[in-house]
Amino acid sequence: MATARSRHRPERRCMACRQRGFKSDLLRLTAGEGGALYWDLSGQGQGRGGYLHPRRECLARFAGLKVEKFTSLRRSIDRAERSALVKMMLERLATSPQHA
């Protein structure tokens, strides 16, 4: 008999649309040592992390948000840096058969 613990699926909130989703279905943006941002595709990296749905509309909304300080990452991200991160992920998603 399976326990309640084994059926648990962690949820996280998208930084763009603010909707909850399963952690495994979201993209993780990580602020590593020194505050450098990178996409943590394994979802297991160390450091503060924020999550986004792998949808064009969520990525575009994240790039254009007026807010600069993200609580989940404990750092500010200016629009130019967010745009570059989103562009990188959109290119990756376009070539990924999983998200085609």
PDB file of N, CA and C in Angstrom:
ATOM      1  N   MET A   1       0.836  -1.182   0.000  1.00  0.00           N
ATOM      2  CA  MET A   1       0.000   0.000   0.000  1.00  0.00           C
ATOM      3  C   MET A   1       0.887   1.254   0.000  1.00  0.00           C
ATOM      4  N   ALA A   2       0.596   2.166  -0.902  1.00  0.00           N
ATOM      5  CA  ALA A   2       1.392   3.389  -1.011  1.00  0.00           C
ATOM      6  C   ALA A   2       1.010   4.351   0.106  1.00  0.00           C
ATOM      7  N   THR A   3       1.991   5.009   0.638  1.00  0.00           N
ATOM      8  CA  THR A   3       1.735   5.988   1.690  1.00  0.00           C
ATOM      9  C   THR A   3       1.422   7.340   1.074  1.00  0.00           C
ATOM     10  N   ALA A   4       0.837   8.196   1.870  1.00  0.00           N
ATOM     11  CA  ALA A   4       0.523   9.542   1.391  1.00  0.00           C
ATOM     12  C   ALA A   4       1.792  10.278   0.991  1.00  0.00           C
ATOM     13  N   ARG A   5       2.879  10.000   1.660  1.00  0.00           N
ATOM     14  CA  ARG A   5       4.147  10.668   1.380  1.00  0.00           C
ATOM     15  C   ARG A   5       4.651  10.340  -0.021  1.00  0.00           C
ATOM     16  N   SER A   6       4.470   9.114  -0.476  1.00  0.00           N
ATOM     17  CA  SER A   6       4.988   8.715  -1.784  1.00  0.00           C
ATOM     18  C   SER A   6       4.192   9.335  -2.927  1.00  0.00           C
ATOM     19  N   ARG A   7       2.971   9.795  -2.664  1.00  0.00           N
ATOM     20  CA  ARG A   7       2.153  10.406  -3.726  1.00  0.00           C
ATOM     21  C   ARG A   7       2.323  11.920  -3.787  1.00  0.00           C
ATOM     22  N   HIS A   8       3.073  12.455  -2.876  1.00  0.00           N
ATOM     23  CA  HIS A   8       3.250  13.907  -2.810  1.00  0.00           C
ATOM     24  C   HIS A   8       4.020  14.420  -4.022  1.00  0.00           C
ATOM     25  N   ARG A   9       3.498  15.491  -4.654  1.00  0.00           N
ATOM     26  CA  ARG A   9       4.200  16.165  -5.754  1.00  0.00           C
ATOM     27  C   ARG A   9       4.350  17.633  -5.372  1.00  0.00           C
ATOM     28  N   PRO A  10       5.590  18.083  -5.168  1.00  0.00           N
ATOM     29  CA  PRO A  10       5.795  19.473  -4.752  1.00  0.00           C
ATOM     30  C   PRO A  10       5.259  20.463  -5.785  1.00  0.00           C
ATOM     31  N   GLU A  11       4.701  21.549  -5.294  1.00  0.00           N
ATOM     32  CA  GLU A  11       4.194  22.614  -6.148  1.00  0.00           C
ATOM     33  C   GLU A  11       4.999  23.883  -5.918  1.00  0.00           C
ATOM     34  N   ARG A  12       5.084  24.693  -6.958  1.00  0.00           N
ATOM     35  CA  ARG A  12       5.750  25.989  -6.883  1.00  0.00           C
ATOM     36  C   ARG A  12       4.890  27.009  -7.628  1.00  0.00           C
ATOM     37  N   ARG A  13       5.135  28.284  -7.388  1.00  0.00           N
ATOM     38  CA  ARG A  13       4.370  29.352  -8.021  1.00  0.00           C
ATOM     39  C   ARG A  13       5.204  29.991  -9.132  1.00  0.00           C
ATOM     40  N   CYS A  14       4.592  30.177 -10.286  1.00  0.00           N
ATOM     41  CA  CYS A  14       5.248  30.820 -11.428  1.00  0.00           C
ATOM     42  C   CYS A  14       5.474  32.293 -11.091  1.00  0.00           C
ATOM     43  N   MET A  15       6.681  32.791 -11.328  1.00  0.00           N
ATOM     44  CA  MET A  15       7.006  34.188 -11.038  1.00  0.00           C
ATOM     45  C   MET A  15       6.269  35.152 -11.965  1.00  0.00           C
ATOM     46  N   ALA A  16       5.802  34.679 -13.113  1.00  0.00           N
ATOM     47  CA  ALA A  16       5.148  35.554 -14.082  1.00  0.00           C
ATOM     48  C   ALA A  16       3.632  35.594 -13.880  1.00  0.00           C
ATOM     49  N   CYS A  17       2.963  34.452 -14.004  1.00  0.00           N
ATOM     50  CA  CYS A  17       1.504  34.428 -13.936  1.00  0.00           C
ATOM     51  C   CYS A  17       0.973  34.208 -12.523  1.00  0.00           C
ATOM     52  N   ARG A  18       1.857  33.838 -11.578  1.00  0.00           N
ATOM     53  CA  ARG A  18       1.536  33.629 -10.173  1.00  0.00           C
ATOM     54  C   ARG A  18       0.642  32.413  -9.940  1.00  0.00           C
ATOM     55  N   GLN A  19       0.452  31.564 -10.946  1.00  0.00           N
ATOM     56  CA  GLN A  19      -0.323  30.335 -10.791  1.00  0.00           C
ATOM     57  C   GLN A  19       0.576  29.238 -10.254  1.00  0.00           C
ATOM     58  N   ARG A  20      -0.008  28.323  -9.483  1.00  0.00           N
ATOM     59  CA  ARG A  20       0.755  27.201  -8.946  1.00  0.00           C
ATOM     60  C   ARG A  20       0.820  26.096  -9.986  1.00  0.00           C
ATOM     61  N   GLY A  21       1.902  25.352  -9.927  1.00  0.00           N
ATOM     62  CA  GLY A  21       2.080  24.206 -10.817  1.00  0.00           C
ATOM     63  C   GLY A  21       3.025  23.217 -10.175  1.00  0.00           C
ATOM     64  N   PHE A  22       3.032  22.007 -10.697  1.00  0.00           N
ATOM     65  CA  PHE A  22       3.954  21.011 -10.167  1.00  0.00           C
ATOM     66  C   PHE A  22       5.382  21.425 -10.483  1.00  0.00           C
ATOM     67  N   LYS A  23       6.245  21.288  -9.503  1.00  0.00           N
ATOM     68  CA  LYS A  23       7.649  21.673  -9.639  1.00  0.00           C
ATOM     69  C   LYS A  23       8.273  21.025 -10.874  1.00  0.00           C
ATOM     70  N   SER A  24       7.923  19.777 -11.132  1.00  0.00           N
ATOM     71  CA  SER A  24       8.502  19.047 -12.267  1.00  0.00           C
ATOM     72  C   SER A  24       8.055  19.601 -13.614  1.00  0.00           C
ATOM     73  N   ASP A  25       6.981  20.384 -13.646  1.00  0.00           N
ATOM     74  CA  ASP A  25       6.465  20.953 -14.894  1.00  0.00           C
ATOM     75  C   ASP A  25       6.964  22.376 -15.153  1.00  0.00           C
ATOM     76  N   LEU A  26       7.712  22.937 -14.203  1.00  0.00           N
ATOM     77  CA  LEU A  26       8.165  24.322 -14.312  1.00  0.00           C
ATOM     78  C   LEU A  26       9.659  24.391 -14.600  1.00  0.00           C
ATOM     79  N   LEU A  27      10.079  25.524 -15.146  1.00  0.00           N
ATOM     80  CA  LEU A  27      11.501  25.799 -15.371  1.00  0.00           C
ATOM     81  C   LEU A  27      12.042  26.497 -14.130  1.00  0.00           C
ATOM     82  N   ARG A  28      13.253  26.164 -13.733  1.00  0.00           N
ATOM     83  CA  ARG A  28      13.851  26.774 -12.542  1.00  0.00           C
ATOM     84  C   ARG A  28      14.958  27.734 -12.943  1.00  0.00           C
ATOM     85  N   LEU A  29      14.837  28.950 -12.473  1.00  0.00           N
ATOM     86  CA  LEU A  29      15.865  29.964 -12.641  1.00  0.00           C
ATOM     87  C   LEU A  29      16.585  30.079 -11.306  1.00  0.00           C
ATOM     88  N   THR A  30      17.895  29.920 -11.315  1.00  0.00           N
ATOM     89  CA  THR A  30      18.659  29.856 -10.083  1.00  0.00           C
ATOM     90  C   THR A  30      19.648  31.005  -9.977  1.00  0.00           C
ATOM     91  N   ALA A  31      19.727  31.555  -8.781  1.00  0.00           N
ATOM     92  CA  ALA A  31      20.751  32.545  -8.464  1.00  0.00           C
ATOM     93  C   ALA A  31      21.843  31.799  -7.705  1.00  0.00           C
ATOM     94  N   GLY A  32      22.934  31.513  -8.382  1.00  0.00           N
ATOM     95  CA  GLY A  32      24.030  30.764  -7.788  1.00  0.00           C
ATOM     96  C   GLY A  32      24.960  31.661  -6.992  1.00  0.00           C
ATOM     97  N   GLU A  33      26.124  31.123  -6.708  1.00  0.00           N
ATOM     98  CA  GLU A  33      27.109  31.887  -5.945  1.00  0.00           C
ATOM     99  C   GLU A  33      27.453  33.176  -6.681  1.00  0.00           C
ATOM    100  N   GLY A  34      27.591  34.232  -5.935  1.00  0.00           N
ATOM    101  CA  GLY A  34      27.908  35.523  -6.522  1.00  0.00           C
ATOM    102  C   GLY A  34      26.718  36.183  -7.195  1.00  0.00           C
ATOM    103  N   GLY A  35      25.531  35.553  -7.116  1.00  0.00           N
ATOM    104  CA  GLY A  35      24.335  36.139  -7.702  1.00  0.00           C
ATOM    105  C   GLY A  35      24.140  35.881  -9.181  1.00  0.00           C
ATOM    106  N   ALA A  36      25.033  35.103  -9.800  1.00  0.00           N
ATOM    107  CA  ALA A  36      24.890  34.810 -11.227  1.00  0.00           C
ATOM    108  C   ALA A  36      23.626  33.994 -11.469  1.00  0.00           C
ATOM    109  N   LEU A  37      22.868  34.356 -12.498  1.00  0.00           N
ATOM    110  CA  LEU A  37      21.636  33.651 -12.830  1.00  0.00           C
ATOM    111  C   LEU A  37      21.876  32.634 -13.928  1.00  0.00           C
ATOM    112  N   TYR A  38      21.237  31.484 -13.790  1.00  0.00           N
ATOM    113  CA  TYR A  38      21.296  30.468 -14.835  1.00  0.00           C
ATOM    114  C   TYR A  38      20.050  29.606 -14.764  1.00  0.00           C
ATOM    115  N   TRP A  39      19.712  28.976 -15.886  1.00  0.00           N
ATOM    116  CA  TRP A  39      18.595  28.050 -15.939  1.00  0.00           C
ATOM    117  C   TRP A  39      19.058  26.712 -15.389  1.00  0.00           C
ATOM    118  N   ASP A  40      18.406  26.255 -14.353  1.00  0.00           N
ATOM    119  CA  ASP A  40      18.719  24.972 -13.723  1.00  0.00           C
ATOM    120  C   ASP A  40      17.752  23.933 -14.287  1.00  0.00           C
ATOM    121  N   LEU A  41      18.137  23.298 -15.370  1.00  0.00           N
ATOM    122  CA  LEU A  41      17.247  22.354 -16.044  1.00  0.00           C
ATOM    123  C   LEU A  41      17.057  21.060 -15.274  1.00  0.00           C
ATOM    124  N   SER A  42      17.975  20.737 -14.368  1.00  0.00           N
ATOM    125  CA  SER A  42      17.817  19.529 -13.566  1.00  0.00           C
ATOM    126  C   SER A  42      16.857  19.770 -12.399  1.00  0.00           C
ATOM    127  N   GLY A  43      16.690  21.033 -12.001  1.00  0.00           N
ATOM    128  CA  GLY A  43      15.843  21.359 -10.863  1.00  0.00           C
ATOM    129  C   GLY A  43      16.470  21.003  -9.530  1.00  0.00           C
ATOM    130  N   GLN A  44      17.722  20.617  -9.537  1.00  0.00           N
ATOM    131  CA  GLN A  44      18.387  20.162  -8.325  1.00  0.00           C
ATOM    132  C   GLN A  44      19.555  21.054  -7.908  1.00  0.00           C
ATOM    133  N   GLY A  45      19.820  22.129  -8.649  1.00  0.00           N
ATOM    134  CA  GLY A  45      20.967  22.982  -8.370  1.00  0.00           C
ATOM    135  C   GLY A  45      20.857  23.685  -7.032  1.00  0.00           C
ATOM    136  N   GLN A  46      21.991  24.084  -6.522  1.00  0.00           N
ATOM    137  CA  GLN A  46      22.026  24.798  -5.249  1.00  0.00           C
ATOM    138  C   GLN A  46      21.785  26.275  -5.481  1.00  0.00           C
ATOM    139  N   GLY A  47      21.342  26.934  -4.454  1.00  0.00           N
ATOM    140  CA  GLY A  47      21.105  28.361  -4.535  1.00  0.00           C
ATOM    141  C   GLY A  47      19.618  28.660  -4.561  1.00  0.00           C
ATOM    142  N   ARG A  48      19.308  29.925  -4.479  1.00  0.00           N
ATOM    143  CA  ARG A  48      17.926  30.375  -4.503  1.00  0.00           C
ATOM    144  C   ARG A  48      17.338  30.121  -5.872  1.00  0.00           C
ATOM    145  N   GLY A  49      16.063  29.755  -5.930  1.00  0.00           N
ATOM    146  CA  GLY A  49      15.436  29.469  -7.210  1.00  0.00           C
ATOM    147  C   GLY A  49      14.053  30.067  -7.338  1.00  0.00           C
ATOM    148  N   GLY A  50      13.724  30.427  -8.560  1.00  0.00           N
ATOM    149  CA  GLY A  50      12.388  30.888  -8.903  1.00  0.00           C
ATOM    150  C   GLY A  50      11.904  30.050 -10.073  1.00  0.00           C
ATOM    151  N   TYR A  51      10.597  29.948 -10.243  1.00  0.00           N
ATOM    152  CA  TYR A  51      10.034  29.041 -11.235  1.00  0.00           C
ATOM    153  C   TYR A  51       9.159  29.772 -12.237  1.00  0.00           C
ATOM    154  N   LEU A  52       9.162  29.256 -13.468  1.00  0.00           N
ATOM    155  CA  LEU A  52       8.337  29.793 -14.548  1.00  0.00           C
ATOM    156  C   LEU A  52       7.740  28.640 -15.340  1.00  0.00           C
ATOM    157  N   HIS A  53       6.506  28.838 -15.814  1.00  0.00           N
ATOM    158  CA  HIS A  53       5.937  27.860 -16.732  1.00  0.00           C
ATOM    159  C   HIS A  53       6.724  27.910 -18.045  1.00  0.00           C
ATOM    160  N   PRO A  54       6.900  26.790 -18.719  1.00  0.00           N
ATOM    161  CA  PRO A  54       7.632  26.793 -19.989  1.00  0.00           C
ATOM    162  C   PRO A  54       6.738  27.217 -21.154  1.00  0.00           C
ATOM    163  N   ARG A  55       5.975  28.268 -20.955  1.00  0.00           N
ATOM    164  CA  ARG A  55       5.076  28.791 -21.985  1.00  0.00           C
ATOM    165  C   ARG A  55       5.577  30.160 -22.432  1.00  0.00           C
ATOM    166  N   ARG A  56       5.424  30.429 -23.710  1.00  0.00           N
ATOM    167  CA  ARG A  56       5.863  31.720 -24.255  1.00  0.00           C
ATOM    168  C   ARG A  56       5.249  32.902 -23.495  1.00  0.00           C
ATOM    169  N   GLU A  57       3.963  32.796 -23.169  1.00  0.00           N
ATOM    170  CA  GLU A  57       3.307  33.924 -22.510  1.00  0.00           C
ATOM    171  C   GLU A  57       3.878  34.182 -21.106  1.00  0.00           C
ATOM    172  N   CYS A  58       4.223  33.140 -20.369  1.00  0.00           N
ATOM    173  CA  CYS A  58       4.816  33.338 -19.042  1.00  0.00           C
ATOM    174  C   CYS A  58       6.234  33.888 -19.155  1.00  0.00           C
ATOM    175  N   LEU A  59       6.994  33.382 -20.106  1.00  0.00           N
ATOM    176  CA  LEU A  59       8.351  33.884 -20.297  1.00  0.00           C
ATOM    177  C   LEU A  59       8.328  35.349 -20.732  1.00  0.00           C
ATOM    178  N   ALA A  60       7.416  35.696 -21.650  1.00  0.00           N
ATOM    179  CA  ALA A  60       7.311  37.084 -22.110  1.00  0.00           C
ATOM    180  C   ALA A  60       6.855  38.003 -20.977  1.00  0.00           C
ATOM    181  N   ARG A  61       5.911  37.537 -20.178  1.00  0.00           N
ATOM    182  CA  ARG A  61       5.444  38.338 -19.049  1.00  0.00           C
ATOM    183  C   ARG A  61       6.576  38.573 -18.045  1.00  0.00           C
ATOM    184  N   PHE A  62       7.360  37.532 -17.767  1.00  0.00           N
ATOM    185  CA  PHE A  62       8.493  37.644 -16.848  1.00  0.00           C
ATOM    186  C   PHE A  62       9.490  38.692 -17.357  1.00  0.00           C
ATOM    187  N   ALA A  63       9.771  38.681 -18.662  1.00  0.00           N
ATOM    188  CA  ALA A  63      10.726  39.632 -19.236  1.00  0.00           C
ATOM    189  C   ALA A  63      10.234  41.071 -19.102  1.00  0.00           C
ATOM    190  N   GLY A  64       8.922  41.275 -19.160  1.00  0.00           N
ATOM    191  CA  GLY A  64       8.381  42.627 -19.154  1.00  0.00           C
ATOM    192  C   GLY A  64       7.858  43.120 -17.815  1.00  0.00           C
ATOM    193  N   LEU A  65       7.982  42.326 -16.763  1.00  0.00           N
ATOM    194  CA  LEU A  65       7.477  42.753 -15.456  1.00  0.00           C
ATOM    195  C   LEU A  65       8.118  44.061 -15.005  1.00  0.00           C
ATOM    196  N   LYS A  66       7.331  44.890 -14.332  1.00  0.00           N
ATOM    197  CA  LYS A  66       7.850  46.155 -13.821  1.00  0.00           C
ATOM    198  C   LYS A  66       8.665  45.962 -12.548  1.00  0.00           C
ATOM    199  N   VAL A  67       8.382  44.880 -11.822  1.00  0.00           N
ATOM    200  CA  VAL A  67       9.107  44.602 -10.585  1.00  0.00           C
ATOM    201  C   VAL A  67      10.552  44.232 -10.915  1.00  0.00           C
ATOM    202  N   GLU A  68      11.464  44.650 -10.078  1.00  0.00           N
ATOM    203  CA  GLU A  68      12.866  44.289 -10.293  1.00  0.00           C
ATOM    204  C   GLU A  68      13.359  43.314  -9.247  1.00  0.00           C
ATOM    205  N   LYS A  69      12.884  43.422  -8.004  1.00  0.00           N
ATOM    206  CA  LYS A  69      13.350  42.570  -6.914  1.00  0.00           C
ATOM    207  C   LYS A  69      12.446  41.342  -6.821  1.00  0.00           C
ATOM    208  N   PHE A  70      13.053  40.164  -6.942  1.00  0.00           N
ATOM    209  CA  PHE A  70      12.306  38.914  -6.872  1.00  0.00           C
ATOM    210  C   PHE A  70      12.607  38.239  -5.536  1.00  0.00           C
ATOM    211  N   THR A  71      11.579  38.084  -4.716  1.00  0.00           N
ATOM    212  CA  THR A  71      11.733  37.526  -3.380  1.00  0.00           C
ATOM    213  C   THR A  71      12.298  36.110  -3.428  1.00  0.00           C
ATOM    214  N   SER A  72      11.812  35.299  -4.359  1.00  0.00           N
ATOM    215  CA  SER A  72      12.265  33.909  -4.424  1.00  0.00           C
ATOM    216  C   SER A  72      13.762  33.808  -4.719  1.00  0.00           C
ATOM    217  N   LEU A  73      14.291  34.758  -5.452  1.00  0.00           N
ATOM    218  CA  LEU A  73      15.714  34.757  -5.797  1.00  0.00           C
ATOM    219  C   LEU A  73      16.543  35.635  -4.856  1.00  0.00           C
ATOM    220  N   ARG A  74      15.857  36.463  -4.084  1.00  0.00           N
ATOM    221  CA  ARG A  74      16.513  37.426  -3.189  1.00  0.00           C
ATOM    222  C   ARG A  74      17.506  38.309  -3.921  1.00  0.00           C
ATOM    223  N   ARG A  75      17.088  38.758  -5.093  1.00  0.00           N
ATOM    224  CA  ARG A  75      17.940  39.670  -5.846  1.00  0.00           C
ATOM    225  C   ARG A  75      17.108  40.392  -6.883  1.00  0.00           C
ATOM    226  N   SER A  76      17.674  41.483  -7.390  1.00  0.00           N
ATOM    227  CA  SER A  76      17.037  42.247  -8.457  1.00  0.00           C
ATOM    228  C   SER A  76      17.518  41.723  -9.799  1.00  0.00           C
ATOM    229  N   ILE A  77      16.629  41.802 -10.776  1.00  0.00           N
ATOM    230  CA  ILE A  77      16.989  41.429 -12.149  1.00  0.00           C
ATOM    231  C   ILE A  77      16.426  42.521 -13.050  1.00  0.00           C
ATOM    232  N   ASP A  78      17.292  43.249 -13.724  1.00  0.00           N
ATOM    233  CA  ASP A  78      16.784  44.305 -14.593  1.00  0.00           C
ATOM    234  C   ASP A  78      16.181  43.693 -15.861  1.00  0.00           C
ATOM    235  N   ARG A  79      15.418  44.505 -16.575  1.00  0.00           N
ATOM    236  CA  ARG A  79      14.699  44.001 -17.758  1.00  0.00           C
ATOM    237  C   ARG A  79      15.632  43.457 -18.836  1.00  0.00           C
ATOM    238  N   ALA A  80      16.768  44.084 -19.020  1.00  0.00           N
ATOM    239  CA  ALA A  80      17.707  43.623 -20.051  1.00  0.00           C
ATOM    240  C   ALA A  80      18.208  42.208 -19.730  1.00  0.00           C
ATOM    241  N   GLU A  81      18.527  41.968 -18.460  1.00  0.00           N
ATOM    242  CA  GLU A  81      19.001  40.638 -18.050  1.00  0.00           C
ATOM    243  C   GLU A  81      17.881  39.607 -18.181  1.00  0.00           C
ATOM    244  N   ARG A  82      16.658  39.996 -17.781  1.00  0.00           N
ATOM    245  CA  ARG A  82      15.524  39.080 -17.927  1.00  0.00           C
ATOM    246  C   ARG A  82      15.258  38.765 -19.383  1.00  0.00           C
ATOM    247  N   SER A  83      15.344  39.766 -20.244  1.00  0.00           N
ATOM    248  CA  SER A  83      15.120  39.542 -21.676  1.00  0.00           C
ATOM    249  C   SER A  83      16.140  38.576 -22.253  1.00  0.00           C
ATOM    250  N   ALA A  84      17.404  38.724 -21.845  1.00  0.00           N
ATOM    251  CA  ALA A  84      18.452  37.821 -22.334  1.00  0.00           C
ATOM    252  C   ALA A  84      18.206  36.388 -21.842  1.00  0.00           C
ATOM    253  N   LEU A  85      17.794  36.230 -20.588  1.00  0.00           N
ATOM    254  CA  LEU A  85      17.493  34.899 -20.048  1.00  0.00           C
ATOM    255  C   LEU A  85      16.314  34.262 -20.777  1.00  0.00           C
ATOM    256  N   VAL A  86      15.278  35.056 -21.041  1.00  0.00           N
ATOM    257  CA  VAL A  86      14.097  34.548 -21.731  1.00  0.00           C
ATOM    258  C   VAL A  86      14.441  34.166 -23.160  1.00  0.00           C
ATOM    259  N   LYS A  87      15.220  34.988 -23.835  1.00  0.00           N
ATOM    260  CA  LYS A  87      15.621  34.684 -25.213  1.00  0.00           C
ATOM    261  C   LYS A  87      16.382  33.354 -25.260  1.00  0.00           C
ATOM    262  N   MET A  88      17.278  33.155 -24.308  1.00  0.00           N
ATOM    263  CA  MET A  88      18.059  31.923 -24.250  1.00  0.00           C
ATOM    264  C   MET A  88      17.132  30.713 -24.062  1.00  0.00           C
ATOM    265  N   MET A  89      16.149  30.835 -23.169  1.00  0.00           N
ATOM    266  CA  MET A  89      15.248  29.714 -22.910  1.00  0.00           C
ATOM    267  C   MET A  89      14.314  29.466 -24.089  1.00  0.00           C
ATOM    268  N   LEU A  90      13.825  30.505 -24.733  1.00  0.00           N
ATOM    269  CA  LEU A  90      12.954  30.317 -25.902  1.00  0.00           C
ATOM    270  C   LEU A  90      13.678  29.585 -27.022  1.00  0.00           C
ATOM    271  N   GLU A  91      14.948  29.930 -27.219  1.00  0.00           N
ATOM    272  CA  GLU A  91      15.742  29.231 -28.232  1.00  0.00           C
ATOM    273  C   GLU A  91      15.903  27.763 -27.871  1.00  0.00           C
ATOM    274  N   ARG A  92      16.132  27.504 -26.604  1.00  0.00           N
ATOM    275  CA  ARG A  92      16.292  26.116 -26.142  1.00  0.00           C
ATOM    276  C   ARG A  92      14.983  25.337 -26.300  1.00  0.00           C
ATOM    277  N   LEU A  93      13.865  25.966 -25.938  1.00  0.00           N
ATOM    278  CA  LEU A  93      12.565  25.298 -26.053  1.00  0.00           C
ATOM    279  C   LEU A  93      12.191  25.020 -27.504  1.00  0.00           C
ATOM    280  N   ALA A  94      12.601  25.930 -28.407  1.00  0.00           N
ATOM    281  CA  ALA A  94      12.293  25.756 -29.836  1.00  0.00           C
ATOM    282  C   ALA A  94      12.997  24.539 -30.419  1.00  0.00           C
ATOM    283  N   THR A  95      14.151  24.192 -29.876  1.00  0.00           N
ATOM    284  CA  THR A  95      14.915  23.048 -30.400  1.00  0.00           C
ATOM    285  C   THR A  95      14.683  21.779 -29.591  1.00  0.00           C
ATOM    286  N   SER A  96      13.901  21.884 -28.517  1.00  0.00           N
ATOM    287  CA  SER A  96      13.651  20.719 -27.655  1.00  0.00           C
ATOM    288  C   SER A  96      12.422  19.965 -28.122  1.00  0.00           C
ATOM    289  N   PRO A  97      12.543  18.676 -28.420  1.00  0.00           N
ATOM    290  CA  PRO A  97      11.373  17.903 -28.855  1.00  0.00           C
ATOM    291  C   PRO A  97      10.342  17.756 -27.730  1.00  0.00           C
ATOM    292  N   GLN A  98      10.776  17.871 -26.474  1.00  0.00           N
ATOM    293  CA  GLN A  98       9.880  17.731 -25.331  1.00  0.00           C
ATOM    294  C   GLN A  98       8.868  18.866 -25.268  1.00  0.00           C
ATOM    295  N   HIS A  99       9.273  20.076 -25.638  1.00  0.00           N
ATOM    296  CA  HIS A  99       8.393  21.246 -25.543  1.00  0.00           C
ATOM    297  C   HIS A  99       7.929  21.761 -26.899  1.00  0.00           C
ATOM    298  N   ALA A 100       8.085  20.994 -27.926  1.00  0.00           N
ATOM    299  CA  ALA A 100       7.708  21.447 -29.271  1.00  0.00           C
ATOM    300  C   ALA A 100       6.205  21.498 -29.431  1.00  0.00           C
TER     301      ALA A 100
END
